[in-house]
């Protein structure tokens, strides 16, 4: 499920407790007052006793737990600081309110979890079916999902979450209905294309027009979820054109063909490629069926051929085909085998007895009574049929079994090639050993998982759960090794949870007060007992036992506070580091670091994890202010350098540079809000200069080159309709003719010339850091083309702010070739926005060789002007003219591509879910 906001942490009813904590600044708790007023002391002790009964359950979200824990700490300070009896009436009421709020939030948390699960299920269902939907159904379900996300983000009460859950469950039902309609839509699309393909002249034009109109009508219905009406609209095609009776036949054939391809085709292809005797009679059935349907319009006859293929490709015949692969061709020299094969052919024949299971039983009986022949056949089969399997297995095994496999295989192959098939001294003596070795293939994945666990958790190796497997392999007892893997893997799978729980317990023990023997003693004993249980072979129970102790009232609050703090710290540190990469302004960075240190010191030095969590919350809000300012500054600095590179009049740039200096002074104070406003204003006011410079860059890149089309295809002047047309037809926004095509799965555009120009320049600066100056006019080269400098420099610029919107294709159009096939264009698409990355690619283009006269190979030899593809081509042609390789190659760097990156984008969370590319900047 896409990450949704934490609604409980933002619930005003519980956030007020965190705010109350901040208001009293309870970083240092007062000591217990000395005894004084008897009634006051009694009220104080009673309030503390009631407060001590309140625990913060683990079921709540981390934000809610820390907010409520902050409120409890605030109440404790108020209790200890109260100077009169009259204060306790309100304090007692507040304690009851806190307890009631926790109870209410538990119910809300349960409802939230159900709602989140339902929304996640709806999302998964939509993702599973979306590529089968027409644009109307896609838009309908997408709208329902977005509404569910919006409702989820706004939900506060249990009833709010229950409503979200109900809506999400209905989306899953609607998605199933949409999928059923989508299957019919695909069936209808292919069927109608097949019928139209056979038409001519006006009838064909009329049928195509009617088809397009009905698809449009159907899309209108499906966009509202009226899938029945959409289906009816499609079914009416050709009703006013005559011959409508052939539509049901075409749809029936297509549905049967789709069923065959999904459920029987792979098995059928295996049978048809096997030694099953009558397979050759059916190898052209599918081809003939398509010919009869798509060329001759004989759908009934075509359907009969497909139906025959489905019946022929039974599971029993598939099993027979697999079994017959175990017979080596040399067996055909034996009359007895030929007789057995002939009998099997008669018994399994599809248009005859049709008993493949019986045929296989008869062949197995023959095999049992002809052991010597089968040993020979098996030896040859191992060499011939299993060689690929051997090669594959040899790549995934490790010593000692790898060496044993190779030695056994080589010994077997040597004897088999020499036609030595004696049971005791020939190739068959290795059959059992090879069989055992090949069985190791069954546990390759499990052993790889074991190795991965040990790699990630080295401490797990000391428990030696993997030792029985390793010992059996060393002793070459392969069946024992295979048998030992499941138990070893099960224990190792439990180790990460145990080790993490043990670490949490040890960390907790380290921060407990030294005089808290009533806490440290039981926890220390529990850690030691869990270790004994784990080493005894039950790490799952060890983790469970230790967690039960940690979940006790005396420990839970501190355990949860530590876990919450560490989880939040990892997230905040990542954002902190990313923000500093954009910022690169020492005084501002120092202020950020100081803010983070305040939170981490509270945890590391004072061991006050709950306080530290709330301080991280404050720092996170600061980062939310800083990052937009930092990314705006990042772009502005890139833009100014780009304008300088483009030769913009210095007088025009001076006022902007002065404004940048003033904005940076605000950031250094630090006043991030003022600085952000200033940088945003500068960025906006640079639009005219950026537009002019961007167009100039494109124009220069495009002279005599295929470069210079980024703005035309992805610039801010490209309309949404242009982007959609490219997805749906392949026609790019800058097409020079109606038939020009440039197909893409994601059609995108930049929001502004500033985004485009900044990305180009930031990539140029990154290239400079790699030794590539995009302004250079010649390149030094060596004599060896393999040692020449790079002729390509590509980068992914992460702007850190929204730069783009895009349309991503999902369901492909179907076109009619010899049969209906997927096209390169799209029927449905998804609109996304807020993309933050752009791909930028510079390439080196050597100059053409000039029209010239040289002394090679003879004085006065004339050469015409020649185009060159790359440096190697230039050097080859230069050498042909001059008799020696060039030391320098004239040319230029051009920006061949710049487009926003949509791959991996999650439109709900506005983040990239795939790994960061290695060429990303900053």
Foldseek 3Di string as FASTA:
>chain_A
DPDADQQQLVFPLQLVLQVLLVVVVPLDADDADDDDPPLLVVLLVVLVVLLLVDDQDPLHDLSSSLSLVSNSSSLNSCSRPDDDPVVSVVSVVVSVSSRVVSVQVSLLSVLLVLLVVLLVVLVVLCVVQVQLAFALLNLQLVVLSVVLSVLSNNDHGSVSSNVSNVSSNVSSVLSVVRSVLSVLVVLLQQLLQLVLLADDDPLSVVLVVLQVVLCVVLSVCSNNSNSVVNSVSSLCRCVVVPPSVLSVLSSVLSVLVVCCVVPQPVLLVLLLPFVLPCSVVLPCLQVVLLCCCRPVVNSVVSSVSSVLSRVLSDVLSSVLRVVRLLFDPVCVVDPVLVVLSVVLNQCCPPVHVNDSNVSVVSVVVVCVVPVLNSLLSNLVCCVPVCPVVLVVLLVQDDPPLNVVSVVLVVQLVVQSVVVNRDCCPGNVVSVVLNVLSSCVVVCSVLVVVLVVLCVVPVVVVVLVLQVQLVVCRVVSVRVSNVVSSVLSSVLSVLVVLLVVLLVLLVVLLVPPDPPPCVLNVVSVVLSVVLVVVSSVRCNNVSSVSNVVSCSDSVRVSLSSLVVSQVVLLVVLVVLLVVQCQLAVQVLLNVVLVVLLVVLVCCCPVVVPSSVSNVSSVVSVVVSVLRNLLSLLLLLLVLLLVLLVVLVPPVVVCVVLVVLLVVLSVCCNVPDSNSSSVSSVVSLVVCQVSLVVSLQVQLVVLPVVDLASCACQQAELVDDPVQQQCCQAPQQGSPDPDPPDGHFDQKGKHWNGSSVVSSVQRVQQVVVVVVVDHQADFKAFADPDPVPGDDQKGKAKEQSSWWTMKMKGARHFNWHADSRTDGDSHHSHIDIATTFGIKMWMKGWAFDWDDFDAEPPPHHRRTDHTGGADDQVRVQVVVCNRYVDGDRMTGTGIGTRYMHGDPPQADRSNRDRPDDDDPRYHD
